[in-house]
Amino acid sequence: MTNENTQTFVLGDVEITRVIEARGPFAAARDLVPDSGADVWKENEDWLVPDHWQPEADLAVLALQTWVLRSGGRTVLVDTGAGNGRERPGSPLFHQRQGTFMEDLAAAGVRPEEVDVVVNTHLHADHVGWNTVDAGGEWVPAFPNARYLVPAADDAHFGPRGGYGGGAREIDRLVYEDSVAPVHRTGQVVLWEDSHRIDDHLTLEAAPGHTPGSSVLRLASGSDRAVFVGDMLHSPVQVLRPSRNSCFCMDAARAADTRLRTLGRAAERRELVVPAHFGGSGAFEVREENGGFVIGAWASGI
């Protein structure tokens, strides 16, 4: 996965900057979306290649990124990527990673002390990594003046009260201890349930399934609408086959139902859909067609 530049666009009164930590081939396509089937990839090869699929090796192409929203005079980060120097055994793309994210964030005009709000849509390793930085062998909040908005259900599941996800994966304990617990210790975490209004334009809503506390961020400003869906979508084939989950979804039935409802609302209300990991354009319009969904148009310039 290689570093890329940042891109900025505007919706209503909200300026949005995409800061890409890395982008490239991630995993075998049908390992990532196990039940997608070969046909949907092949039938849509003309537009899935090269931004979303490498057919020769059958690899899905993903991006690792943060969305910077400037809204109501405040700076809001949506998800914080994988981070540097983390112990992530079993995840070679994230283990002891060294990248230029903080430099790229600075190039986008964002200084750590100026960040007001950090949104973690859920608590997987690639969404919380830059919550903290290493300060002489101790993990401390990367954004000292920010409130960190964390879904209470994920905090309960992945934190010590839930046995770090029940102890099923060692990575869950490591992620919580180096990227979440240090922010708790400074009193910067705000746990929320059901919904949480950030300002007049931005509202968090529970969207469980991928994890117990997975959430979406809705933007409404003027006539513009968008929904940042986190890991509800890993690949465009899940728009075409919304019942197909990624291999990382914890509650398959709930994840599929949440995806179906979210895409339906986006089509009805003309919300721009902004996934966490699409390798090409970072956002798209969706429309209903023949009882299903299709991508109407990709957002230009991002």
C-alpha atoms as a PDB file:
ATOM      1  CA  MET A   1       0.000   0.000   0.000  1.00  0.00           C
ATOM      2  CA  THR A   2       1.454   3.357  -0.985  1.00  0.00           C
ATOM      3  CA  ASN A   3       0.950   6.869   0.328  1.00  0.00           C
ATOM      4  CA  GLU A   4      -1.080   9.330  -1.721  1.00  0.00           C
ATOM      5  CA  ASN A   5      -1.953  13.013  -1.562  1.00  0.00           C
ATOM      6  CA  THR A   6      -4.927  14.655   0.110  1.00  0.00           C
ATOM      7  CA  GLN A   7      -8.073  15.880  -1.636  1.00  0.00           C
ATOM      8  CA  THR A   8     -10.623  18.457  -0.497  1.00  0.00           C
ATOM      9  CA  PHE A   9     -14.245  19.116  -1.415  1.00  0.00           C
ATOM     10  CA  VAL A  10     -17.133  21.092   0.074  1.00  0.00           C
ATOM     11  CA  LEU A  11     -20.693  20.089   1.003  1.00  0.00           C
ATOM     12  CA  GLY A  12     -22.821  23.036   2.077  1.00  0.00           C
ATOM     13  CA  ASP A  13     -20.883  24.834   4.805  1.00  0.00           C
ATOM     14  CA  VAL A  14     -18.651  21.861   5.592  1.00  0.00           C
ATOM     15  CA  GLU A  15     -15.182  21.471   4.070  1.00  0.00           C
ATOM     16  CA  ILE A  16     -14.028  17.850   3.805  1.00  0.00           C
ATOM     17  CA  THR A  17     -10.446  16.703   3.271  1.00  0.00           C
ATOM     18  CA  ARG A  18      -9.462  13.129   2.606  1.00  0.00           C
ATOM     19  CA  VAL A  19      -6.054  12.228   4.086  1.00  0.00           C
ATOM     20  CA  ILE A  20      -4.886   8.850   2.801  1.00  0.00           C
ATOM     21  CA  GLU A  21      -2.517   6.929   5.044  1.00  0.00           C
ATOM     22  CA  ALA A  22      -2.009   4.140   2.489  1.00  0.00           C
ATOM     23  CA  ARG A  23      -3.639   2.662  -0.603  1.00  0.00           C
ATOM     24  CA  GLY A  24      -3.120  -0.529  -2.572  1.00  0.00           C
ATOM     25  CA  PRO A  25      -3.922  -4.270  -2.751  1.00  0.00           C
ATOM     26  CA  PHE A  26      -5.183  -5.531   0.585  1.00  0.00           C
ATOM     27  CA  ALA A  27      -6.518  -9.079   0.385  1.00  0.00           C
ATOM     28  CA  ALA A  28      -7.941 -11.669  -1.978  1.00  0.00           C
ATOM     29  CA  ALA A  29     -11.251 -10.276  -3.224  1.00  0.00           C
ATOM     30  CA  ARG A  30     -13.377 -13.206  -2.124  1.00  0.00           C
ATOM     31  CA  ASP A  31     -11.549 -13.497   1.164  1.00  0.00           C
ATOM     32  CA  LEU A  32     -12.514  -9.899   1.875  1.00  0.00           C
ATOM     33  CA  VAL A  33     -16.143 -10.397   0.776  1.00  0.00           C
ATOM     34  CA  PRO A  34     -16.457 -14.170   1.100  1.00  0.00           C
ATOM     35  CA  ASP A  35     -19.921 -14.749  -0.389  1.00  0.00           C
ATOM     36  CA  SER A  36     -19.711 -12.205  -3.203  1.00  0.00           C
ATOM     37  CA  GLY A  37     -19.068 -14.806  -5.892  1.00  0.00           C
ATOM     38  CA  ALA A  38     -16.788 -14.493  -8.893  1.00  0.00           C
ATOM     39  CA  ASP A  39     -19.521 -13.306 -11.246  1.00  0.00           C
ATOM     40  CA  VAL A  40     -20.136  -9.871  -9.703  1.00  0.00           C
ATOM     41  CA  TRP A  41     -16.435  -9.013  -9.888  1.00  0.00           C
ATOM     42  CA  LYS A  42     -16.060 -10.228 -13.477  1.00  0.00           C
ATOM     43  CA  GLU A  43     -19.284  -8.621 -14.717  1.00  0.00           C
ATOM     44  CA  ASN A  44     -18.152  -5.239 -13.380  1.00  0.00           C
ATOM     45  CA  GLU A  45     -14.473  -5.546 -14.217  1.00  0.00           C
ATOM     46  CA  ASP A  46     -14.546  -2.540 -16.588  1.00  0.00           C
ATOM     47  CA  TRP A  47     -15.032  -0.108 -13.683  1.00  0.00           C
ATOM     48  CA  LEU A  48     -13.705  -2.071 -10.704  1.00  0.00           C
ATOM     49  CA  VAL A  49     -10.238  -2.093 -12.312  1.00  0.00           C
ATOM     50  CA  PRO A  50      -7.824  -0.629 -11.301  1.00  0.00           C
ATOM     51  CA  ASP A  51      -9.135   1.332  -8.307  1.00  0.00           C
ATOM     52  CA  HIS A  52     -11.002  -1.476  -6.561  1.00  0.00           C
ATOM     53  CA  TRP A  53      -9.711  -4.767  -7.964  1.00  0.00           C
ATOM     54  CA  GLN A  54      -6.591  -6.322  -9.463  1.00  0.00           C
ATOM     55  CA  PRO A  55      -8.075  -9.235 -11.440  1.00  0.00           C
ATOM     56  CA  GLU A  56      -4.769 -10.904 -12.372  1.00  0.00           C
ATOM     57  CA  ALA A  57      -4.055 -11.634  -8.704  1.00  0.00           C
ATOM     58  CA  ASP A  58      -7.715 -11.389  -7.646  1.00  0.00           C
ATOM     59  CA  LEU A  59      -6.844  -8.759  -5.021  1.00  0.00           C
ATOM     60  CA  ALA A  60      -9.188  -6.120  -3.630  1.00  0.00           C
ATOM     61  CA  VAL A  61      -7.711  -2.624  -3.601  1.00  0.00           C
ATOM     62  CA  LEU A  62      -8.448  -0.548  -0.491  1.00  0.00           C
ATOM     63  CA  ALA A  63      -7.461   2.753   1.061  1.00  0.00           C
ATOM     64  CA  LEU A  64      -6.606   3.511   4.671  1.00  0.00           C
ATOM     65  CA  GLN A  65      -7.676   7.058   5.419  1.00  0.00           C
ATOM     66  CA  THR A  66      -9.052   9.769   7.674  1.00  0.00           C
ATOM     67  CA  TRP A  67     -11.702  12.324   6.804  1.00  0.00           C
ATOM     68  CA  VAL A  68     -11.105  15.851   8.105  1.00  0.00           C
ATOM     69  CA  LEU A  69     -14.300  17.886   8.453  1.00  0.00           C
ATOM     70  CA  ARG A  70     -14.242  21.607   9.141  1.00  0.00           C
ATOM     71  CA  SER A  71     -17.691  22.419  10.425  1.00  0.00           C
ATOM     72  CA  GLY A  72     -19.023  25.271  12.528  1.00  0.00           C
ATOM     73  CA  GLY A  73     -15.552  26.604  13.224  1.00  0.00           C
ATOM     74  CA  ARG A  74     -14.304  23.259  14.520  1.00  0.00           C
ATOM     75  CA  THR A  75     -12.050  20.536  13.124  1.00  0.00           C
ATOM     76  CA  VAL A  76     -13.424  17.004  13.254  1.00  0.00           C
ATOM     77  CA  LEU A  77     -11.481  13.853  12.334  1.00  0.00           C
ATOM     78  CA  VAL A  78     -13.442  10.788  11.244  1.00  0.00           C
ATOM     79  CA  ASP A  79     -11.394   7.673  12.072  1.00  0.00           C
ATOM     80  CA  THR A  80      -7.644   7.753  12.612  1.00  0.00           C
ATOM     81  CA  GLY A  81      -6.137   4.927  10.584  1.00  0.00           C
ATOM     82  CA  ALA A  82      -3.586   2.355  11.692  1.00  0.00           C
ATOM     83  CA  GLY A  83      -0.893   4.450  13.369  1.00  0.00           C
ATOM     84  CA  ASN A  84       2.849   3.929  13.571  1.00  0.00           C
ATOM     85  CA  GLY A  85       4.875   1.541  15.675  1.00  0.00           C
ATOM     86  CA  ARG A  86       1.999  -0.688  16.805  1.00  0.00           C
ATOM     87  CA  GLU A  87       2.209  -4.314  17.820  1.00  0.00           C
ATOM     88  CA  ARG A  88      -0.264  -5.955  15.457  1.00  0.00           C
ATOM     89  CA  PRO A  89       0.736  -9.637  15.193  1.00  0.00           C
ATOM     90  CA  GLY A  90      -1.101 -11.386  12.416  1.00  0.00           C
ATOM     91  CA  SER A  91      -1.759  -8.103  10.572  1.00  0.00           C
ATOM     92  CA  PRO A  92       1.378  -7.484   8.489  1.00  0.00           C
ATOM     93  CA  LEU A  93       0.007  -4.311   6.883  1.00  0.00           C
ATOM     94  CA  PHE A  94      -0.457  -2.727  10.310  1.00  0.00           C
ATOM     95  CA  HIS A  95       2.316  -4.355  12.379  1.00  0.00           C
ATOM     96  CA  GLN A  96       5.120  -1.918  13.271  1.00  0.00           C
ATOM     97  CA  ARG A  97       3.963   0.311  10.457  1.00  0.00           C
ATOM     98  CA  GLN A  98       5.914   3.498   9.754  1.00  0.00           C
ATOM     99  CA  GLY A  99       4.202   6.103   7.594  1.00  0.00           C
ATOM    100  CA  THR A 100       3.864   9.860   7.115  1.00  0.00           C
ATOM    101  CA  PHE A 101       0.296  10.378   8.263  1.00  0.00           C
ATOM    102  CA  MET A 102       0.989  13.171  10.727  1.00  0.00           C
ATOM    103  CA  GLU A 103       3.062  14.995   8.118  1.00  0.00           C
ATOM    104  CA  ASP A 104       0.256  14.549   5.601  1.00  0.00           C
ATOM    105  CA  LEU A 105      -2.244  15.843   8.145  1.00  0.00           C
ATOM    106  CA  ALA A 106      -0.035  18.908   8.668  1.00  0.00           C
ATOM    107  CA  ALA A 107       0.158  19.397   4.899  1.00  0.00           C
ATOM    108  CA  ALA A 108      -3.651  19.489   4.922  1.00  0.00           C
ATOM    109  CA  GLY A 109      -3.455  22.360   7.409  1.00  0.00           C
ATOM    110  CA  VAL A 110      -4.298  20.354  10.522  1.00  0.00           C
ATOM    111  CA  ARG A 111      -2.189  20.816  13.649  1.00  0.00           C
ATOM    112  CA  PRO A 112      -2.805  18.228  16.405  1.00  0.00           C
ATOM    113  CA  GLU A 113      -3.641  20.836  19.029  1.00  0.00           C
ATOM    114  CA  GLU A 114      -6.273  22.381  16.746  1.00  0.00           C
ATOM    115  CA  VAL A 115      -8.371  19.205  16.437  1.00  0.00           C
ATOM    116  CA  ASP A 116     -11.599  19.598  18.397  1.00  0.00           C
ATOM    117  CA  VAL A 117     -13.329  16.240  17.860  1.00  0.00           C
ATOM    118  CA  VAL A 118     -12.138  12.747  16.939  1.00  0.00           C
ATOM    119  CA  VAL A 119     -14.803  10.296  15.770  1.00  0.00           C
ATOM    120  CA  ASN A 120     -14.049   6.580  15.965  1.00  0.00           C
ATOM    121  CA  THR A 121     -16.814   4.941  13.931  1.00  0.00           C
ATOM    122  CA  HIS A 122     -15.793   1.683  15.626  1.00  0.00           C
ATOM    123  CA  LEU A 123     -12.777   0.281  17.470  1.00  0.00           C
ATOM    124  CA  HIS A 124     -10.964  -1.853  14.915  1.00  0.00           C
ATOM    125  CA  ALA A 125      -7.212  -1.423  14.545  1.00  0.00           C
ATOM    126  CA  ASP A 126      -7.319   0.612  11.343  1.00  0.00           C
ATOM    127  CA  HIS A 127      -9.769   3.188  12.722  1.00  0.00           C
ATOM    128  CA  VAL A 128      -8.122   4.178  16.010  1.00  0.00           C
ATOM    129  CA  GLY A 129      -4.364   3.959  15.431  1.00  0.00           C
ATOM    130  CA  TRP A 130      -3.615   7.674  15.375  1.00  0.00           C
ATOM    131  CA  ASN A 131      -5.748   8.287  18.450  1.00  0.00           C
ATOM    132  CA  THR A 132      -2.414   8.173  20.237  1.00  0.00           C
ATOM    133  CA  VAL A 133       1.295   8.701  19.627  1.00  0.00           C
ATOM    134  CA  ASP A 134       4.388   7.331  21.327  1.00  0.00           C
ATOM    135  CA  ALA A 135       5.878   9.847  23.747  1.00  0.00           C
ATOM    136  CA  GLY A 136       9.084   8.322  25.068  1.00  0.00           C
ATOM    137  CA  GLY A 137       7.691   4.822  25.387  1.00  0.00           C
ATOM    138  CA  GLU A 138       4.247   5.885  26.597  1.00  0.00           C
ATOM    139  CA  TRP A 139       1.115   6.134  24.455  1.00  0.00           C
ATOM    140  CA  VAL A 140      -0.525   9.548  24.838  1.00  0.00           C
ATOM    141  CA  PRO A 141      -3.415  11.238  22.977  1.00  0.00           C
ATOM    142  CA  ALA A 142      -2.286  12.545  19.596  1.00  0.00           C
ATOM    143  CA  PHE A 143      -4.840  15.370  19.777  1.00  0.00           C
ATOM    144  CA  PRO A 144      -4.507  16.887  23.246  1.00  0.00           C
ATOM    145  CA  ASN A 145      -7.487  19.234  23.067  1.00  0.00           C
ATOM    146  CA  ALA A 146      -9.975  16.930  21.343  1.00  0.00           C
ATOM    147  CA  ARG A 147     -13.008  15.055  22.569  1.00  0.00           C
ATOM    148  CA  TYR A 148     -12.855  11.460  21.340  1.00  0.00           C
ATOM    149  CA  LEU A 149     -16.338  10.180  20.476  1.00  0.00           C
ATOM    150  CA  VAL A 150     -16.398   6.413  21.022  1.00  0.00           C
ATOM    151  CA  PRO A 151     -19.447   4.122  20.654  1.00  0.00           C
ATOM    152  CA  ALA A 152     -20.266   2.818  24.113  1.00  0.00           C
ATOM    153  CA  ALA A 153     -21.136  -0.660  22.794  1.00  0.00           C
ATOM    154  CA  ASP A 154     -17.714  -1.061  21.186  1.00  0.00           C
ATOM    155  CA  ASP A 155     -15.951   0.279  24.260  1.00  0.00           C
ATOM    156  CA  ALA A 156     -17.769  -2.278  26.391  1.00  0.00           C
ATOM    157  CA  HIS A 157     -17.019  -5.125  23.980  1.00  0.00           C
ATOM    158  CA  PHE A 158     -13.385  -4.378  23.160  1.00  0.00           C
ATOM    159  CA  GLY A 159     -12.402  -2.954  26.558  1.00  0.00           C
ATOM    160  CA  PRO A 160     -11.533  -4.800  29.763  1.00  0.00           C
ATOM    161  CA  ARG A 161     -15.191  -5.039  30.828  1.00  0.00           C
ATOM    162  CA  GLY A 162     -15.777  -7.240  27.778  1.00  0.00           C
ATOM    163  CA  GLY A 163     -12.553  -9.149  28.220  1.00  0.00           C
ATOM    164  CA  TYR A 164     -11.051  -7.341  25.221  1.00  0.00           C
ATOM    165  CA  GLY A 165     -13.574  -8.855  22.841  1.00  0.00           C
ATOM    166  CA  GLY A 166     -13.815 -11.998  24.905  1.00  0.00           C
ATOM    167  CA  GLY A 167     -10.149 -12.699  24.316  1.00  0.00           C
ATOM    168  CA  ALA A 168     -10.826 -14.212  20.910  1.00  0.00           C
ATOM    169  CA  ARG A 169      -8.130 -12.097  19.266  1.00  0.00           C
ATOM    170  CA  GLU A 170      -4.979 -10.798  20.944  1.00  0.00           C
ATOM    171  CA  ILE A 171      -5.013  -7.829  18.564  1.00  0.00           C
ATOM    172  CA  ASP A 172      -8.197  -6.504  20.205  1.00  0.00           C
ATOM    173  CA  ARG A 173      -6.453  -6.190  23.566  1.00  0.00           C
ATOM    174  CA  LEU A 174      -3.393  -4.551  22.015  1.00  0.00           C
ATOM    175  CA  VAL A 175      -5.520  -2.055  20.058  1.00  0.00           C
ATOM    176  CA  TYR A 176      -7.517  -1.071  23.110  1.00  0.00           C
ATOM    177  CA  GLU A 177      -4.489  -0.723  25.358  1.00  0.00           C
ATOM    178  CA  ASP A 178      -2.394   1.424  23.007  1.00  0.00           C
ATOM    179  CA  SER A 179      -5.085   3.411  21.165  1.00  0.00           C
ATOM    180  CA  VAL A 180      -8.159   3.713  23.415  1.00  0.00           C
ATOM    181  CA  ALA A 181      -7.191   3.271  27.069  1.00  0.00           C
ATOM    182  CA  PRO A 182      -4.663   6.158  27.025  1.00  0.00           C
ATOM    183  CA  VAL A 183      -7.414   8.555  25.922  1.00  0.00           C
ATOM    184  CA  HIS A 184      -9.673   7.276  28.691  1.00  0.00           C
ATOM    185  CA  ARG A 185      -6.945   8.020  31.211  1.00  0.00           C
ATOM    186  CA  THR A 186      -6.828  11.692  30.195  1.00  0.00           C
ATOM    187  CA  GLY A 187     -10.610  12.013  30.429  1.00  0.00           C
ATOM    188  CA  GLN A 188     -11.020  12.863  26.738  1.00  0.00           C
ATOM    189  CA  VAL A 189     -13.344   9.993  25.780  1.00  0.00           C
ATOM    190  CA  VAL A 190     -17.059  10.637  25.373  1.00  0.00           C
ATOM    191  CA  LEU A 191     -19.072   7.405  25.230  1.00  0.00           C
ATOM    192  CA  TRP A 192     -22.374   7.638  23.382  1.00  0.00           C
ATOM    193  CA  GLU A 193     -25.326   5.392  22.533  1.00  0.00           C
ATOM    194  CA  ASP A 194     -28.025   5.503  19.840  1.00  0.00           C
ATOM    195  CA  SER A 195     -27.132   8.978  18.503  1.00  0.00           C
ATOM    196  CA  HIS A 196     -24.925  11.952  19.261  1.00  0.00           C
ATOM    197  CA  ARG A 197     -25.156  15.422  17.739  1.00  0.00           C
ATOM    198  CA  ILE A 198     -21.768  17.040  17.151  1.00  0.00           C
ATOM    199  CA  ASP A 199     -23.068  20.319  15.738  1.00  0.00           C
ATOM    200  CA  ASP A 200     -25.803  21.696  13.491  1.00  0.00           C
ATOM    201  CA  HIS A 201     -24.425  19.755  10.507  1.00  0.00           C
ATOM    202  CA  LEU A 202     -23.045  16.500  11.946  1.00  0.00           C
ATOM    203  CA  THR A 203     -24.789  13.672  13.800  1.00  0.00           C
ATOM    204  CA  LEU A 204     -23.565  10.220  14.786  1.00  0.00           C
ATOM    205  CA  GLU A 205     -26.003   7.295  14.644  1.00  0.00           C
ATOM    206  CA  ALA A 206     -25.635   3.695  15.768  1.00  0.00           C
ATOM    207  CA  ALA A 207     -25.313   1.233  12.856  1.00  0.00           C
ATOM    208  CA  PRO A 208     -24.397  -2.091  14.501  1.00  0.00           C
ATOM    209  CA  GLY A 209     -23.430  -5.308  12.803  1.00  0.00           C
ATOM    210  CA  HIS A 210     -19.855  -4.886  11.659  1.00  0.00           C
ATOM    211  CA  THR A 211     -19.080  -4.471  15.364  1.00  0.00           C
ATOM    212  CA  PRO A 212     -21.523  -4.078  18.268  1.00  0.00           C
ATOM    213  CA  GLY A 213     -21.049  -0.296  18.257  1.00  0.00           C
ATOM    214  CA  SER A 214     -20.421   0.462  14.592  1.00  0.00           C
ATOM    215  CA  SER A 215     -21.764   3.867  13.654  1.00  0.00           C
ATOM    216  CA  VAL A 216     -22.333   6.237  10.764  1.00  0.00           C
ATOM    217  CA  LEU A 217     -21.815   9.980  10.665  1.00  0.00           C
ATOM    218  CA  ARG A 218     -24.533  11.945   8.881  1.00  0.00           C
ATOM    219  CA  LEU A 219     -23.856  15.355   7.342  1.00  0.00           C
ATOM    220  CA  ALA A 220     -26.636  17.768   6.449  1.00  0.00           C
ATOM    221  CA  SER A 221     -25.779  21.298   5.343  1.00  0.00           C
ATOM    222  CA  GLY A 222     -28.012  23.351   3.091  1.00  0.00           C
ATOM    223  CA  SER A 223     -29.281  21.002   0.410  1.00  0.00           C
ATOM    224  CA  ASP A 224     -26.254  18.703   0.659  1.00  0.00           C
ATOM    225  CA  ARG A 225     -26.347  15.358   2.422  1.00  0.00           C
ATOM    226  CA  ALA A 226     -23.702  12.696   3.081  1.00  0.00           C
ATOM    227  CA  VAL A 227     -23.284   9.610   5.222  1.00  0.00           C
ATOM    228  CA  PHE A 228     -19.856   8.387   6.342  1.00  0.00           C
ATOM    229  CA  VAL A 229     -20.444   4.660   6.672  1.00  0.00           C
ATOM    230  CA  GLY A 230     -17.171   3.397   8.125  1.00  0.00           C
ATOM    231  CA  ASP A 231     -16.717  -0.329   7.479  1.00  0.00           C
ATOM    232  CA  MET A 232     -20.301  -0.969   6.449  1.00  0.00           C
ATOM    233  CA  LEU A 233     -18.798  -1.178   2.950  1.00  0.00           C
ATOM    234  CA  HIS A 234     -15.341  -2.474   2.056  1.00  0.00           C
ATOM    235  CA  SER A 235     -15.916  -2.876  -1.678  1.00  0.00           C
ATOM    236  CA  PRO A 236     -18.302  -1.528  -4.320  1.00  0.00           C
ATOM    237  CA  VAL A 237     -19.539  -5.084  -4.904  1.00  0.00           C
ATOM    238  CA  GLN A 238     -21.365  -4.761  -1.570  1.00  0.00           C
ATOM    239  CA  VAL A 239     -23.470  -1.987  -3.081  1.00  0.00           C
ATOM    240  CA  LEU A 240     -24.481  -4.378  -5.850  1.00  0.00           C
ATOM    241  CA  ARG A 241     -24.846  -7.260  -3.375  1.00  0.00           C
ATOM    242  CA  PRO A 242     -25.798  -5.573  -0.088  1.00  0.00           C
ATOM    243  CA  SER A 243     -26.456  -8.870   1.698  1.00  0.00           C
ATOM    244  CA  ARG A 244     -22.776  -9.790   1.332  1.00  0.00           C
ATOM    245  CA  ASN A 245     -20.657  -8.960   4.366  1.00  0.00           C
ATOM    246  CA  SER A 246     -16.952  -8.473   4.684  1.00  0.00           C
ATOM    247  CA  CYS A 247     -14.985 -11.144   6.520  1.00  0.00           C
ATOM    248  CA  PHE A 248     -14.634  -8.695   9.436  1.00  0.00           C
ATOM    249  CA  CYS A 249     -18.361  -8.321  10.199  1.00  0.00           C
ATOM    250  CA  MET A 250     -19.161  -9.761  13.622  1.00  0.00           C
ATOM    251  CA  ASP A 251     -22.961 -10.089  13.343  1.00  0.00           C
ATOM    252  CA  ALA A 252     -23.670 -11.137   9.769  1.00  0.00           C
ATOM    253  CA  ALA A 253     -27.462 -10.738   9.769  1.00  0.00           C
ATOM    254  CA  ARG A 254     -27.416  -7.383  11.510  1.00  0.00           C
ATOM    255  CA  ALA A 255     -24.589  -6.058   9.337  1.00  0.00           C
ATOM    256  CA  ALA A 256     -26.474  -6.947   6.152  1.00  0.00           C
ATOM    257  CA  ASP A 257     -29.703  -5.404   7.430  1.00  0.00           C
ATOM    258  CA  THR A 258     -27.913  -2.201   8.441  1.00  0.00           C
ATOM    259  CA  ARG A 259     -26.241  -1.981   5.029  1.00  0.00           C
ATOM    260  CA  LEU A 260     -29.534  -2.475   3.190  1.00  0.00           C
ATOM    261  CA  ARG A 261     -31.314   0.198   5.229  1.00  0.00           C
ATOM    262  CA  THR A 262     -28.459   2.683   4.949  1.00  0.00           C
ATOM    263  CA  LEU A 263     -28.177   2.320   1.177  1.00  0.00           C
ATOM    264  CA  GLY A 264     -31.950   2.616   0.848  1.00  0.00           C
ATOM    265  CA  ARG A 265     -32.012   5.863   2.794  1.00  0.00           C
ATOM    266  CA  ALA A 266     -29.029   7.207   0.848  1.00  0.00           C
ATOM    267  CA  ALA A 267     -30.800   6.517  -2.437  1.00  0.00           C
ATOM    268  CA  GLU A 268     -34.079   8.028  -1.236  1.00  0.00           C
ATOM    269  CA  ARG A 269     -32.565  11.155   0.291  1.00  0.00           C
ATOM    270  CA  ARG A 270     -29.704  11.585  -2.182  1.00  0.00           C
ATOM    271  CA  GLU A 271     -27.021  11.240   0.442  1.00  0.00           C
ATOM    272  CA  LEU A 272     -23.448  10.985  -0.801  1.00  0.00           C
ATOM    273  CA  VAL A 273     -22.069   7.690   0.538  1.00  0.00           C
ATOM    274  CA  VAL A 274     -18.556   7.959   1.991  1.00  0.00           C
ATOM    275  CA  PRO A 275     -16.988   4.574   2.906  1.00  0.00           C
ATOM    276  CA  ALA A 276     -13.855   4.191   4.979  1.00  0.00           C
ATOM    277  CA  HIS A 277     -11.793   2.131   2.563  1.00  0.00           C
ATOM    278  CA  PHE A 278     -12.651   2.475  -1.119  1.00  0.00           C
ATOM    279  CA  GLY A 279      -9.451   2.535  -3.131  1.00  0.00           C
ATOM    280  CA  GLY A 280     -10.605   4.881  -5.881  1.00  0.00           C
ATOM    281  CA  SER A 281     -12.940   7.834  -5.531  1.00  0.00           C
ATOM    282  CA  GLY A 282     -13.747   8.270  -1.872  1.00  0.00           C
ATOM    283  CA  ALA A 283     -17.492   8.835  -2.264  1.00  0.00           C
ATOM    284  CA  PHE A 284     -20.401   8.024  -4.541  1.00  0.00           C
ATOM    285  CA  GLU A 285     -24.098   8.466  -5.199  1.00  0.00           C
ATOM    286  CA  VAL A 286     -26.335   5.418  -5.005  1.00  0.00           C
ATOM    287  CA  ARG A 287     -29.672   4.785  -6.687  1.00  0.00           C
ATOM    288  CA  GLU A 288     -32.220   2.004  -6.667  1.00  0.00           C
ATOM    289  CA  GLU A 289     -32.580   0.004  -9.855  1.00  0.00           C
ATOM    290  CA  ASN A 290     -34.435  -3.231 -10.617  1.00  0.00           C
ATOM    291  CA  GLY A 291     -35.032  -3.969  -6.956  1.00  0.00           C
ATOM    292  CA  GLY A 292     -31.397  -3.438  -6.008  1.00  0.00           C
ATOM    293  CA  PHE A 293     -28.763  -0.727  -5.851  1.00  0.00           C
ATOM    294  CA  VAL A 294     -26.238   0.636  -8.324  1.00  0.00           C
ATOM    295  CA  ILE A 295     -23.603   3.319  -8.092  1.00  0.00           C
ATOM    296  CA  GLY A 296     -25.025   6.383  -9.784  1.00  0.00           C
ATOM    297  CA  ALA A 297     -21.952   8.605  -9.968  1.00  0.00           C
ATOM    298  CA  TRP A 298     -18.578   8.837  -8.321  1.00  0.00           C
ATOM    299  CA  ALA A 299     -17.718  12.064  -6.532  1.00  0.00           C
ATOM    300  CA  SER A 300     -15.204  13.966  -8.653  1.00  0.00           C
ATOM    301  CA  GLY A 301     -11.861  15.114  -7.322  1.00  0.00           C
ATOM    302  CA  ILE A 302     -11.635  12.747  -4.359  1.00  0.00           C
END
